[in-house]
């Protein structure tokens, strides 16, 4: 329990002082909460002694009112400090994780960790925010209750106090046993929650494919199995808590029963006055309630601790730019020097070497899976090369932080992602400090200003998550506007016109021309007609550069590029024949 409090303080960082201060306030509030009981005890004693007068009664009444007022003020202060600390800590840690995500290797996100990541952000940190600080209050209140109970009973009678101490000692032993169960079960529960989240995400993200291939029944069965498994583990968790929690509560029941029995026994023997017996009977039930609440809160504390374990594990994932520096670049040529790269056991690039000159256009062509996209990914450090070096302006990208590297690069790929936000904010993502006028200017260059203005709320129109409320061509032009606004000197382009209709293709091509003007351009080409004027074309096959040169030179060689060009020309002229 104390380790949990200590860990919560460390987790809170610079806001830990608020928790310590709120704990002190909670302690004082607990003391004031018992003032009415002592006041009542003194009044009852005066009544039984027939010495109570009006002045004494009014004094006791005013003391009770004052204590309640002070208790209310302290509760407001405590709650405010506690809530402020919880919200600030959770916000700060979420921002830290968001920053770490940008620096994780992409392999982390492709190894089945999405459910884990989602649960950390939306589950674990939210759980700590909502319950962690509350449980701290419960722990403090429970400990205060035990101390006050023993002190009060010691004042009443040492025999009654001794019975109470024995009961509390047995309760602490039972609590330790209960924590061992909750610690083991909480870890299992967290693992199951991650699996369930991953299954739900997989189902919802792939719902279009599932419906199109009429696999909804099979996919739903897999998700149902995950839900059923999570349900069974949750039931097992609750079942395993029944006996230890019951033993814990029985210890306090023993302490209460022993205190009452000894009080009544001493009263009938004439060794204790009636007012004191009455107060013991009233006081003993109230004073142990916070301490008994620790039993039901133990599972919550351990679940939260398991969540913090998972959060700390996430923070320990090696970041790709741990040794990187913020290096300013003055030139923007791109060089691959004998680069090899493998996704796990599969070697994707094999001794690749080329230079893309500054302000030039380099096109990458080849069959699917040949390694074109991997080259683009290595430039922006989504992964790092296992052999050789990727350099920009003569600087190895591994010497740079991800932020300093990406400052110089804009990327426009076929699969465009827009956030569930306004169109203006989606474009502003390319330059957070941009003005409305700069955003509109970028939209005009990207040929999307007109269709944005035609929307009901214009630039304030909220698009669905992933841009689901816009067409593919509209999303593509907004992503190009984002890149134009960023105005980075290097542009990576996975040819954006490859999968759009002819009407949108014209606008997108015009937008791309605005984007790549005076840039160092790497283009992954699907339509070879768009790269006829490239400064160099690299033909990639099975992870190697098998041909390089300009369009006319490669056609004249009669090699793989000539074959690709011929196949593309034939594909462009296909017709459906009537049987």
Protein backbone atom coordinates (compact mmCIF):
# COMPACT_ATOMS: atom_id res chain seq x y z
CA UNK A 1 0.00 0.00 0.00
CA UNK A 2 2.74 2.42 0.99
CA UNK A 3 4.73 1.36 -2.09
CA UNK A 4 1.69 2.23 -4.18
CA UNK A 5 1.54 5.71 -2.63
CA UNK A 6 5.26 6.19 -3.18
CA UNK A 7 4.95 5.13 -6.81
CA UNK A 8 1.99 7.42 -7.35
CA UNK A 9 4.08 10.31 -6.04
CA UNK A 10 6.93 9.49 -8.44
CA UNK A 11 4.49 9.17 -11.30
CA UNK A 12 3.07 12.61 -10.48
CA UNK A 13 6.48 14.26 -10.95
CA UNK A 14 6.44 18.01 -10.38
CA UNK A 15 2.78 17.85 -9.28
CA UNK A 16 3.56 15.47 -6.42
CA UNK A 17 3.61 18.39 -3.98
CA UNK A 18 -0.09 18.92 -4.66
CA UNK A 19 -0.80 15.34 -3.68
CA UNK A 20 1.28 15.69 -0.52
CA UNK A 21 -0.48 18.93 0.35
CA UNK A 22 -3.89 17.41 -0.38
CA UNK A 23 -2.95 14.44 1.84
CA UNK A 24 -2.17 16.84 4.69
CA UNK A 25 -5.46 18.65 4.10
CA UNK A 26 -7.29 15.30 4.05
CA UNK A 27 -5.68 14.37 7.38
CA UNK A 28 -6.83 17.61 9.02
CA UNK A 29 -10.27 17.19 7.47
CA UNK A 30 -10.47 13.71 9.01
CA UNK A 31 -9.73 15.17 12.42
CA UNK A 32 -12.43 17.82 12.06
CA UNK A 33 -14.86 15.12 10.91
CA UNK A 34 -14.70 13.58 14.38
CA UNK A 35 -15.31 16.81 16.28
CA UNK A 36 -19.14 16.35 16.26
CA UNK A 37 -18.72 12.94 17.89
CA UNK A 38 -16.58 14.30 20.73
CA UNK A 39 -18.96 17.25 21.16
CA UNK A 40 -21.87 14.82 21.37
CA UNK A 41 -19.98 12.75 23.92
CA UNK A 42 -19.44 15.78 26.16
CA UNK A 43 -23.12 16.79 25.87
CA UNK A 44 -24.30 13.26 26.74
CA UNK A 45 -22.00 13.21 29.77
CA UNK A 46 -23.51 16.53 30.96
CA UNK A 47 -27.01 15.16 30.36
CA UNK A 48 -26.38 12.01 32.41
CA UNK A 49 -24.78 14.10 35.14
CA UNK A 50 -27.71 16.57 34.96
CA UNK A 51 -25.29 19.49 34.57
CA UNK A 52 -26.15 20.54 31.01
CA UNK A 53 -27.22 24.16 30.67
CA UNK A 54 -28.20 26.29 27.67
CA UNK A 55 -24.85 28.04 27.31
CA UNK A 56 -22.99 24.72 27.19
CA UNK A 57 -25.45 23.26 24.69
CA UNK A 58 -25.17 26.31 22.39
CA UNK A 59 -21.39 26.23 22.66
CA UNK A 60 -21.34 22.57 21.64
CA UNK A 61 -23.77 23.31 18.80
CA UNK A 62 -21.62 26.18 17.48
CA UNK A 63 -18.49 24.02 17.73
CA UNK A 64 -20.21 21.35 15.62
CA UNK A 65 -21.30 23.95 13.03
CA UNK A 66 -17.80 25.45 12.90
CA UNK A 67 -16.17 22.04 12.50
CA UNK A 68 -18.56 21.14 9.67
CA UNK A 69 -17.85 24.46 7.93
CA UNK A 70 -14.09 23.96 8.24
CA UNK A 71 -14.47 20.36 7.05
CA UNK A 72 -16.43 21.56 3.98
CA UNK A 73 -13.76 24.15 3.16
CA UNK A 74 -10.98 21.61 3.56
CA UNK A 75 -12.86 19.14 1.36
CA UNK A 76 -13.16 21.79 -1.38
CA UNK A 77 -9.44 22.57 -1.13
CA UNK A 78 -8.54 18.88 -1.10
CA UNK A 79 -10.75 18.05 -4.08
CA UNK A 80 -9.46 21.00 -6.08
CA UNK A 81 -5.81 20.14 -5.51
CA UNK A 82 -6.40 16.46 -6.12
CA UNK A 83 -8.36 16.97 -9.36
CA UNK A 84 -5.89 19.55 -10.64
CA UNK A 85 -2.96 17.21 -10.02
CA UNK A 86 -4.76 14.25 -11.64
CA UNK A 87 -5.68 16.17 -14.80
CA UNK A 88 -2.27 17.78 -15.19
CA UNK A 89 -0.36 14.54 -14.64
CA UNK A 90 -2.55 12.60 -17.11
CA UNK A 91 -2.30 15.37 -19.73
CA UNK A 92 1.47 15.60 -19.36
CA UNK A 93 1.97 11.84 -19.64
CA UNK A 94 -0.29 11.60 -22.71
CA UNK A 95 1.78 14.30 -24.41
CA UNK A 96 4.95 12.42 -23.49
CA UNK A 97 3.59 9.24 -25.05
CA UNK A 98 2.51 11.18 -28.15
CA UNK A 99 6.06 12.50 -28.49
CA UNK A 100 7.50 9.01 -28.01
CA UNK A 101 5.24 7.57 -30.72
CA UNK A 102 6.90 9.84 -33.26
CA UNK A 103 10.25 8.36 -32.26
CA UNK A 104 9.30 4.67 -32.12
CA UNK A 105 10.47 2.50 -35.03
CA UNK A 106 7.57 1.62 -37.30
CA UNK A 107 8.19 -2.03 -36.52
CA UNK A 108 6.66 -1.45 -33.08
CA UNK A 109 3.30 -0.58 -34.65
CA UNK A 110 3.36 -3.54 -37.03
CA UNK A 111 3.99 -6.21 -34.40
CA UNK A 112 0.49 -6.42 -32.92
CA UNK A 113 0.92 -3.69 -30.30
CA UNK A 114 -2.01 -1.46 -31.31
CA UNK A 115 -4.33 -2.90 -28.64
CA UNK A 116 -1.61 -2.37 -26.01
CA UNK A 117 -1.00 1.24 -27.09
CA UNK A 118 -4.71 2.05 -27.23
CA UNK A 119 -5.30 0.66 -23.74
CA UNK A 120 -2.40 2.62 -22.26
CA UNK A 121 -3.68 5.95 -23.60
CA UNK A 122 -7.43 5.50 -23.31
CA UNK A 123 -7.52 3.04 -20.44
CA UNK A 124 -4.55 3.06 -18.10
CA UNK A 125 -3.94 6.82 -17.95
CA UNK A 126 -7.67 7.53 -17.74
CA UNK A 127 -8.01 4.99 -14.94
CA UNK A 128 -5.15 6.63 -13.04
CA UNK A 129 -6.68 10.05 -13.66
CA UNK A 130 -10.16 9.05 -12.50
CA UNK A 131 -9.38 6.65 -9.65
CA UNK A 132 -5.72 6.98 -8.67
CA UNK A 133 -6.00 10.20 -6.70
CA UNK A 134 -9.34 9.13 -5.20
CA UNK A 135 -7.79 5.93 -3.95
CA UNK A 136 -5.00 7.98 -2.40
CA UNK A 137 -7.65 9.77 -0.39
CA UNK A 138 -9.18 6.43 0.60
CA UNK A 139 -5.81 5.12 1.77
CA UNK A 140 -5.17 8.24 3.84
CA UNK A 141 -8.68 8.18 5.29
CA UNK A 142 -8.38 4.48 6.12
CA UNK A 143 -5.06 4.90 7.91
CA UNK A 144 -6.34 7.95 9.82
CA UNK A 145 -9.42 5.97 10.82
CA UNK A 146 -7.30 3.17 12.29
CA UNK A 147 -5.10 5.59 14.26
CA UNK A 148 -8.05 7.62 15.61
CA UNK A 149 -10.01 4.50 16.50
CA UNK A 150 -7.15 3.04 18.50
CA UNK A 151 -6.40 6.41 20.17
CA UNK A 152 -10.05 6.97 21.11
CA UNK A 153 -10.46 3.46 22.47
CA UNK A 154 -7.21 3.77 24.41
CA UNK A 155 -8.64 6.90 26.03
CA UNK A 156 -11.82 4.95 26.85
CA UNK A 157 -10.17 1.77 28.14
CA UNK A 158 -6.91 0.00 27.40
CA UNK A 159 -8.63 -3.40 27.25
CA UNK A 160 -11.07 -2.21 24.57
CA UNK A 161 -8.16 -0.58 22.72
CA UNK A 162 -6.15 -3.81 22.87
CA UNK A 163 -9.02 -5.75 21.25
CA UNK A 164 -9.19 -3.11 18.54
CA UNK A 165 -5.43 -3.25 17.90
CA UNK A 166 -5.58 -7.05 17.53
CA UNK A 167 -8.42 -6.74 15.03
CA UNK A 168 -6.56 -4.07 13.02
CA UNK A 169 -3.36 -6.17 13.03
CA UNK A 170 -5.27 -9.18 11.69
CA UNK A 171 -6.87 -6.90 9.07
CA UNK A 172 -3.47 -5.70 7.87
CA UNK A 173 -2.30 -9.31 7.51
CA UNK A 174 -5.45 -10.13 5.55
CA UNK A 175 -4.93 -7.01 3.44
CA UNK A 176 -1.42 -8.15 2.50
CA UNK A 177 -2.76 -11.53 1.38
CA UNK A 178 -5.52 -9.78 -0.55
CA UNK A 179 -2.98 -7.58 -2.36
CA UNK A 180 -1.06 -10.64 -3.56
CA UNK A 181 -4.21 -11.98 -5.19
CA UNK A 182 -5.13 -8.65 -6.76
CA UNK A 183 -1.60 -8.10 -8.07
CA UNK A 184 -1.63 -11.44 -9.88
CA UNK A 185 -5.16 -11.06 -11.22
CA UNK A 186 -4.77 -7.41 -12.24
CA UNK A 187 -1.91 -8.27 -14.60
CA UNK A 188 -4.02 -10.99 -16.25
CA UNK A 189 -6.93 -8.57 -16.55
CA UNK A 190 -4.77 -5.95 -18.26
CA UNK A 191 -3.39 -8.47 -20.75
CA UNK A 192 -6.91 -9.61 -21.56
CA UNK A 193 -8.09 -6.03 -22.03
CA UNK A 194 -5.29 -5.44 -24.57
CA UNK A 195 -6.27 -8.53 -26.54
CA UNK A 196 -9.90 -7.49 -26.54
CA UNK A 197 -9.09 -3.94 -27.68
CA UNK A 198 -6.88 -5.30 -30.46
CA UNK A 199 -9.64 -7.66 -31.64
CA UNK A 200 -12.24 -4.87 -31.69
CA UNK A 201 -9.90 -2.50 -33.55
CA UNK A 202 -9.07 -5.17 -36.10
CA UNK A 203 -12.75 -5.87 -36.67
CA UNK A 204 -13.81 -2.23 -37.02
CA UNK A 205 -10.85 -1.18 -39.18
CA UNK A 206 -11.39 -4.10 -41.54
CA UNK A 207 -15.18 -3.94 -41.61
CA UNK A 208 -15.35 -2.93 -45.30
CA UNK A 209 -13.25 -5.94 -46.33
CA UNK A 210 -15.19 -8.21 -44.00
CA UNK A 211 -18.53 -7.13 -45.48
CA UNK A 212 -17.29 -7.18 -49.07
CA UNK A 213 -16.02 -10.75 -48.75
CA UNK A 214 -19.04 -11.87 -46.70
CA UNK A 215 -16.78 -12.82 -43.79
CA UNK A 216 -18.75 -10.93 -41.16
CA UNK A 217 -19.85 -14.15 -39.48
CA UNK A 218 -16.35 -15.58 -39.08
CA UNK A 219 -14.84 -12.22 -38.05
CA UNK A 220 -17.66 -11.63 -35.57
CA UNK A 221 -17.08 -15.08 -34.08
CA UNK A 222 -13.42 -14.24 -33.46
CA UNK A 223 -14.37 -10.98 -31.80
CA UNK A 224 -17.12 -12.70 -29.80
CA UNK A 225 -14.55 -15.23 -28.62
CA UNK A 226 -12.30 -12.38 -27.42
CA UNK A 227 -15.23 -10.75 -25.61
CA UNK A 228 -16.23 -14.06 -24.01
CA UNK A 229 -12.63 -14.67 -22.92
CA UNK A 230 -12.46 -11.19 -21.38
CA UNK A 231 -15.77 -11.82 -19.61
CA UNK A 232 -14.55 -15.10 -18.13
CA UNK A 233 -11.35 -13.48 -16.88
CA UNK A 234 -13.34 -10.64 -15.34
CA UNK A 235 -15.57 -13.13 -13.51
CA UNK A 236 -12.50 -15.07 -12.37
CA UNK A 237 -10.97 -11.81 -11.12
CA UNK A 238 -14.05 -10.96 -9.05
CA UNK A 239 -14.42 -14.54 -7.79
CA UNK A 240 -10.81 -14.69 -6.64
CA UNK A 241 -11.38 -11.51 -4.61
CA UNK A 242 -14.38 -12.78 -2.66
CA UNK A 243 -12.52 -14.81 0.01
CA UNK A 244 -9.64 -12.36 0.75
CA UNK A 245 -12.00 -9.36 0.90
CA UNK A 246 -14.37 -11.28 3.16
CA UNK A 247 -11.51 -12.24 5.51
CA UNK A 248 -10.39 -8.60 5.58
CA UNK A 249 -13.85 -7.33 6.48
CA UNK A 250 -14.30 -10.06 9.09
CA UNK A 251 -11.23 -8.79 10.93
CA UNK A 252 -12.86 -5.39 11.42
CA UNK A 253 -16.13 -7.09 12.34
CA UNK A 254 -14.17 -8.92 15.07
CA UNK A 255 -12.63 -5.61 16.25
CA UNK A 256 -16.07 -3.95 16.41
CA UNK A 257 -17.67 -6.91 18.18
CA UNK A 258 -14.82 -7.17 20.70
CA UNK A 259 -14.92 -3.42 21.47
CA UNK A 260 -18.71 -3.51 22.00
CA UNK A 261 -18.60 -6.69 24.10
CA UNK A 262 -15.89 -5.36 26.41
CA UNK A 263 -17.62 -1.97 26.70
CA UNK A 264 -20.98 -3.54 27.69
CA UNK A 265 -19.26 -6.04 29.99
CA UNK A 266 -17.42 -3.26 31.83
CA UNK A 267 -20.62 -1.17 31.97
CA UNK A 268 -22.57 -3.99 33.65
CA UNK A 269 -19.68 -4.41 36.08
CA UNK A 270 -19.92 -0.73 36.89
CA UNK A 271 -16.50 0.03 35.47
CA UNK A 272 -17.64 2.26 32.55
CA UNK A 273 -20.22 5.01 32.41
CA UNK A 274 -23.29 4.91 30.17
CA UNK A 275 -22.28 7.99 28.09
CA UNK A 276 -18.97 6.37 27.21
CA UNK A 277 -20.68 3.09 26.27
CA UNK A 278 -23.14 4.95 24.06
CA UNK A 279 -20.34 6.84 22.34
CA UNK A 280 -18.34 3.63 21.78
CA UNK A 281 -21.44 2.06 20.23
CA UNK A 282 -21.92 5.06 17.90
CA UNK A 283 -18.28 5.74 17.23
CA UNK A 284 -17.01 2.24 16.56
CA UNK A 285 -19.17 1.66 13.45
CA UNK A 286 -18.31 5.02 11.88
CA UNK A 287 -14.61 5.05 12.60
CA UNK A 288 -13.89 1.75 10.83
CA UNK A 289 -15.86 2.49 7.64
CA UNK A 290 -12.92 4.16 5.81
CA UNK A 291 -10.60 1.37 6.89
CA UNK A 292 -13.06 -1.26 5.67
CA UNK A 293 -13.28 0.61 2.37
CA UNK A 294 -9.62 -0.14 1.76
CA UNK A 295 -10.61 -3.74 1.11
CA UNK A 296 -12.90 -2.94 -1.79
CA UNK A 297 -10.40 -0.39 -3.10
CA UNK A 298 -7.47 -2.82 -3.10
CA UNK A 299 -8.48 -4.34 -6.44
CA UNK A 300 -8.76 -0.87 -7.98
CA UNK A 301 -5.31 0.08 -6.71
CA UNK A 302 -3.75 -3.08 -8.11
CA UNK A 303 -5.48 -2.70 -11.48
CA UNK A 304 -4.11 0.81 -11.62
CA UNK A 305 -0.66 -0.42 -10.62
CA UNK A 306 -0.77 -3.01 -13.40
CA UNK A 307 -1.75 -0.19 -15.76
CA UNK A 308 1.24 1.86 -14.59
CA UNK A 309 3.47 -1.19 -15.16
CA UNK A 310 2.25 -1.39 -18.74
CA UNK A 311 2.69 2.35 -19.16
CA UNK A 312 6.27 2.20 -17.86
CA UNK A 313 6.95 -0.73 -20.20
CA UNK A 314 5.74 1.37 -23.13
CA UNK A 315 8.10 4.18 -22.12
CA UNK A 316 10.99 1.70 -22.18
CA UNK A 317 10.53 0.87 -25.89
CA UNK A 318 13.82 1.89 -27.55
CA UNK A 319 13.35 5.10 -29.54
CA UNK A 320 14.88 5.34 -32.97
CA UNK A 321 16.62 8.68 -32.43
CA UNK A 322 17.95 8.25 -28.89
CA UNK A 323 21.38 9.56 -29.95
CA UNK A 324 20.07 12.05 -32.52
CA UNK A 325 20.83 15.76 -32.54
CA UNK A 326 18.98 18.77 -33.90
CA UNK A 327 21.20 19.40 -36.93
CA UNK A 328 20.40 22.27 -39.33
CA UNK A 329 20.79 21.39 -43.03
CA UNK A 330 22.03 23.78 -45.69
CA UNK A 331 21.74 21.49 -48.72
CA UNK A 332 19.19 18.86 -49.58
CA UNK A 333 20.66 16.26 -51.89
CA UNK A 334 19.86 12.67 -50.85
CA UNK A 335 22.44 9.91 -51.00
CA UNK A 336 22.09 6.17 -50.41
CA UNK A 337 25.50 4.60 -49.81
CA UNK A 338 25.53 0.79 -50.09
CA UNK A 339 22.27 0.49 -48.14
CA UNK A 340 20.78 -2.86 -47.17
CA UNK A 341 17.61 -3.38 -45.14
CA UNK A 342 15.52 -6.31 -43.96
CA UNK A 343 12.04 -6.61 -42.50
CA UNK A 344 12.80 -9.36 -39.97
CA UNK A 345 14.20 -12.27 -42.06
CA UNK A 346 13.27 -10.88 -45.49
CA UNK A 347 15.96 -8.76 -47.14
CA UNK A 348 14.16 -5.93 -48.94
CA UNK A 349 17.03 -3.70 -50.11
CA UNK A 350 20.42 -5.05 -51.19
CA UNK A 351 23.40 -2.71 -51.49
CA UNK A 352 21.44 0.25 -52.86
CA UNK A 353 23.52 3.28 -53.89
CA UNK A 354 22.33 6.44 -55.64
CA UNK A 355 22.31 10.22 -55.26
CA UNK A 356 19.27 12.48 -55.77
CA UNK A 357 20.63 15.95 -56.44
CA UNK A 358 19.12 19.01 -54.80
CA UNK A 359 16.22 20.53 -56.81
CA UNK A 360 16.06 17.40 -58.97
CA UNK A 361 13.42 14.73 -59.60
CA UNK A 362 14.26 11.09 -58.95
CA UNK A 363 11.67 8.48 -59.87
CA UNK A 364 11.50 4.97 -58.40
CA UNK A 365 9.79 2.36 -60.58
CA UNK A 366 9.39 -1.37 -60.34
CA UNK A 367 7.00 -4.14 -59.46
CA UNK A 368 5.08 -4.20 -56.19
CA UNK A 369 7.29 -5.41 -53.35
CA UNK A 370 10.52 -4.49 -55.12
CA UNK A 371 11.55 -2.03 -52.37
CA UNK A 372 10.42 1.39 -53.64
CA UNK A 373 8.41 2.38 -50.55
CA UNK A 374 11.16 1.06 -48.28
CA UNK A 375 13.58 3.57 -49.83
CA UNK A 376 11.17 6.40 -48.96
CA UNK A 377 10.71 5.02 -45.44
CA UNK A 378 14.46 4.98 -44.81
CA UNK A 379 14.79 8.62 -45.89
CA UNK A 380 12.38 9.74 -43.15
CA UNK A 381 13.66 7.19 -40.58
CA UNK A 382 10.49 5.18 -40.25
CA UNK A 383 13.15 2.45 -40.06
CA UNK A 384 16.94 2.59 -40.04
CA UNK A 385 19.19 0.80 -42.51
CA UNK A 386 21.02 -2.22 -41.11
CA UNK A 387 23.93 -1.61 -43.47
CA UNK A 388 25.23 1.46 -45.25
CA UNK A 389 24.07 5.05 -44.77
CA UNK A 390 21.28 7.35 -45.90
CA UNK A 391 22.46 10.96 -46.03
CA UNK A 392 20.78 14.31 -46.60
CA UNK A 393 23.05 17.24 -47.30
CA UNK A 394 26.00 15.02 -46.38
CA UNK A 395 24.56 14.24 -42.90
CA UNK A 396 23.67 10.67 -41.95
CA UNK A 397 19.98 10.76 -41.00
CA UNK A 398 20.78 8.55 -38.00
CA UNK A 399 22.65 11.47 -36.48
CA UNK A 400 19.49 13.60 -36.49
CA UNK A 401 16.41 13.58 -34.29
CA UNK A 402 13.19 12.60 -36.03
CA UNK A 403 11.76 16.09 -35.51
CA UNK A 404 14.77 17.86 -37.00
CA UNK A 405 14.80 15.47 -39.97
CA UNK A 406 11.09 15.67 -40.73
CA UNK A 407 11.26 19.45 -40.59
CA UNK A 408 12.86 19.24 -44.05
CA UNK A 409 10.57 16.60 -45.59
CA UNK A 410 6.97 16.58 -46.84
CA UNK A 411 5.25 13.33 -47.73
CA UNK A 412 2.22 12.76 -49.92
CA UNK A 413 1.17 9.15 -50.33
CA UNK A 414 -1.78 7.40 -51.94
CA UNK A 415 -3.37 6.52 -48.64
CA UNK A 416 -4.33 9.87 -47.16
CA UNK A 417 -5.34 10.21 -43.52
CA UNK A 418 -7.32 13.22 -42.33
CA UNK A 419 -8.14 13.83 -38.69
CA UNK A 420 -11.62 14.19 -37.23
CA UNK A 421 -11.35 17.97 -37.21
CA UNK A 422 -12.04 20.98 -39.40
CA UNK A 423 -10.57 21.18 -42.87
CA UNK A 424 -8.65 24.27 -41.77
CA UNK A 425 -6.98 22.40 -38.91
CA UNK A 426 -6.22 19.42 -41.15
CA UNK A 427 -4.34 21.72 -43.53
CA UNK A 428 -2.74 23.62 -40.64
CA UNK A 429 -1.20 20.31 -39.54
CA UNK A 430 1.55 21.08 -42.02
CA UNK A 431 2.43 24.30 -40.19
CA UNK A 432 0.78 24.76 -36.76
CA UNK A 433 1.48 28.51 -36.64
CA UNK A 434 -0.01 29.27 -40.08
CA UNK A 435 -2.65 32.01 -40.41
CA UNK A 436 -6.03 31.57 -42.05
CA UNK A 437 -4.78 33.55 -45.06
CA UNK A 438 -1.76 31.25 -45.48
CA UNK A 439 -4.01 28.19 -45.28
CA UNK A 440 -6.32 29.56 -47.97
CA UNK A 441 -3.34 30.40 -50.18
CA UNK A 442 -2.04 26.82 -49.85
CA UNK A 443 -5.53 25.44 -50.59
CA UNK A 444 -5.72 27.51 -53.75
CA UNK A 445 -2.36 26.21 -54.93
CA UNK A 446 -3.56 22.66 -54.18
CA UNK A 447 -6.73 23.28 -56.24
CA UNK A 448 -9.03 22.50 -53.31
CA UNK A 449 -10.18 26.01 -52.33
CA UNK A 450 -13.26 25.92 -54.57
CA UNK A 451 -14.71 22.66 -53.31
CA UNK A 452 -13.95 23.66 -49.68
CA UNK A 453 -15.82 26.94 -50.12
CA UNK A 454 -18.80 25.00 -51.53
CA UNK A 455 -19.12 22.97 -48.31
CA UNK A 456 -21.78 24.13 -45.79
CA UNK A 457 -19.21 25.46 -43.29
CA UNK A 458 -16.33 26.06 -45.66
CA UNK A 459 -12.96 25.71 -43.97
CA UNK A 460 -14.75 25.09 -40.65
CA UNK A 461 -16.37 21.92 -42.00
CA UNK A 462 -15.52 18.93 -39.78
CA UNK A 463 -14.44 15.87 -41.75
CA UNK A 464 -15.01 12.36 -40.49
CA UNK A 465 -12.17 10.35 -38.98
CA UNK A 466 -9.74 9.40 -41.73
CA UNK A 467 -11.52 11.88 -44.03
CA UNK A 468 -14.46 9.51 -44.50
CA UNK A 469 -16.84 12.32 -45.51
CA UNK A 470 -14.69 13.39 -48.50
CA UNK A 471 -13.90 11.71 -51.80
CA UNK A 472 -10.49 10.23 -52.48
CA UNK A 473 -9.52 13.08 -54.81
CA UNK A 474 -10.64 15.73 -52.30
CA UNK A 475 -8.65 14.10 -49.51
CA UNK A 476 -5.61 13.90 -51.76
CA UNK A 477 -5.76 17.60 -52.60
CA UNK A 478 -6.12 18.55 -48.92
CA UNK A 479 -3.05 16.46 -48.11
CA UNK A 480 -1.14 18.26 -50.87
CA UNK A 481 -2.31 21.63 -49.45
CA UNK A 482 -0.91 20.48 -46.11
CA UNK A 483 2.44 19.71 -47.74
CA UNK A 484 2.45 23.01 -49.66
CA UNK A 485 1.85 24.88 -46.41
CA UNK A 486 4.78 23.07 -44.78
CA UNK A 487 6.99 24.14 -47.72
CA UNK A 488 9.71 21.59 -46.95
CA UNK A 489 12.70 21.43 -49.33
CA UNK A 490 12.34 17.66 -49.85
CA UNK A 491 9.16 16.01 -51.12
CA UNK A 492 8.43 12.28 -51.10
CA UNK A 493 5.56 11.46 -53.42
CA UNK A 494 3.88 8.08 -53.77
CA UNK A 495 2.22 9.05 -57.01
CA UNK A 496 -1.07 10.52 -55.91
CA UNK A 497 -2.89 10.17 -59.25
CA UNK A 498 -2.52 6.40 -59.46
CA UNK A 499 -5.97 5.55 -58.10
CA UNK A 500 -8.19 8.57 -58.78
CA UNK A 501 -10.69 9.34 -61.50
CA UNK A 502 -9.68 11.40 -64.58
CA UNK A 503 -11.54 14.52 -63.37
CA UNK A 504 -9.60 14.61 -60.10
CA UNK A 505 -6.35 13.60 -61.77
CA UNK A 506 -6.12 16.92 -63.61
CA UNK A 507 -6.53 18.96 -60.41
CA UNK A 508 -4.19 16.75 -58.42
CA UNK A 509 -1.49 16.93 -61.07
CA UNK A 510 -1.75 20.74 -61.06
CA UNK A 511 -1.50 20.71 -57.26
CA UNK A 512 1.56 18.45 -57.37
CA UNK A 513 3.25 20.80 -59.82
CA UNK A 514 2.80 23.61 -57.26
CA UNK A 515 4.12 21.38 -54.47
CA UNK A 516 7.33 20.14 -56.10
CA UNK A 517 8.51 23.40 -57.64
CA UNK A 518 12.23 23.90 -56.75
CA UNK A 519 12.20 20.87 -54.43
CA UNK A 520 14.28 17.73 -54.13
CA UNK A 521 11.66 15.24 -55.29
CA UNK A 522 11.58 11.47 -54.80
CA UNK A 523 8.56 10.02 -56.59
CA UNK A 524 7.35 6.44 -56.45
CA UNK A 525 5.91 6.14 -59.94
CA UNK A 526 2.97 3.99 -60.95
CA UNK A 527 2.02 5.86 -64.12
CA UNK A 528 5.25 6.06 -66.09
CA UNK A 529 3.91 8.88 -68.24
CA UNK A 530 4.24 11.24 -65.25
CA UNK A 531 8.01 10.75 -64.94
CA UNK A 532 9.12 11.28 -68.53
CA UNK A 533 10.89 14.49 -67.47
CA UNK A 534 12.55 13.04 -64.35
CA UNK A 535 16.24 13.85 -63.93
CA UNK A 536 16.87 10.20 -63.15
CA UNK A 537 14.78 7.05 -63.08
CA UNK A 538 15.78 4.13 -60.88
CA UNK A 539 14.36 0.74 -61.80
CA UNK A 540 14.11 -1.40 -58.66
CA UNK A 541 13.86 -5.17 -58.86
CA UNK A 542 14.10 -7.54 -55.90
CA UNK A 543 15.73 -4.86 -53.73
CA UNK A 544 18.38 -3.85 -56.26
CA UNK A 545 18.78 -1.02 -58.74
CA UNK A 546 18.91 -2.83 -62.06
CA UNK A 547 18.69 0.22 -64.34
CA UNK A 548 19.13 3.96 -63.99
CA UNK A 549 18.95 6.90 -66.37
CA UNK A 550 16.50 9.28 -68.06
CA UNK A 551 13.32 8.19 -69.80
CA UNK A 552 14.67 8.20 -73.36
CA UNK A 553 17.92 6.53 -72.35
CA UNK A 554 16.14 3.69 -70.61
CA UNK A 555 13.74 3.13 -73.49
CA UNK A 556 16.71 2.92 -75.85
CA UNK A 557 18.39 0.25 -73.68
CA UNK A 558 15.47 -2.11 -74.15
CA UNK A 559 15.67 -3.50 -70.63
CA UNK A 560 13.16 -3.77 -67.76
CA UNK A 561 12.06 -0.14 -68.00
CA UNK A 562 11.23 -0.62 -71.68
CA UNK A 563 9.19 -3.71 -70.73
CA UNK A 564 7.35 -1.80 -67.98
CA UNK A 565 6.64 1.06 -70.38
CA UNK A 566 5.28 -1.32 -73.03
CA UNK A 567 3.03 -3.11 -70.55
CA UNK A 568 1.71 0.23 -69.25
CA UNK A 569 0.96 1.45 -72.78
CA UNK A 570 -0.88 -1.76 -73.57
CA UNK A 571 -2.85 -1.51 -70.30
CA UNK A 572 -3.93 2.05 -71.16
CA UNK A 573 -5.46 0.90 -74.45
CA UNK A 574 -7.44 -2.11 -73.25
CA UNK A 575 -11.07 -2.55 -74.28
CA UNK A 576 -13.94 -4.83 -73.26
CA UNK A 577 -14.78 -7.03 -76.23
CA UNK A 578 -18.29 -8.28 -76.90
CA UNK A 579 -18.49 -12.08 -76.89
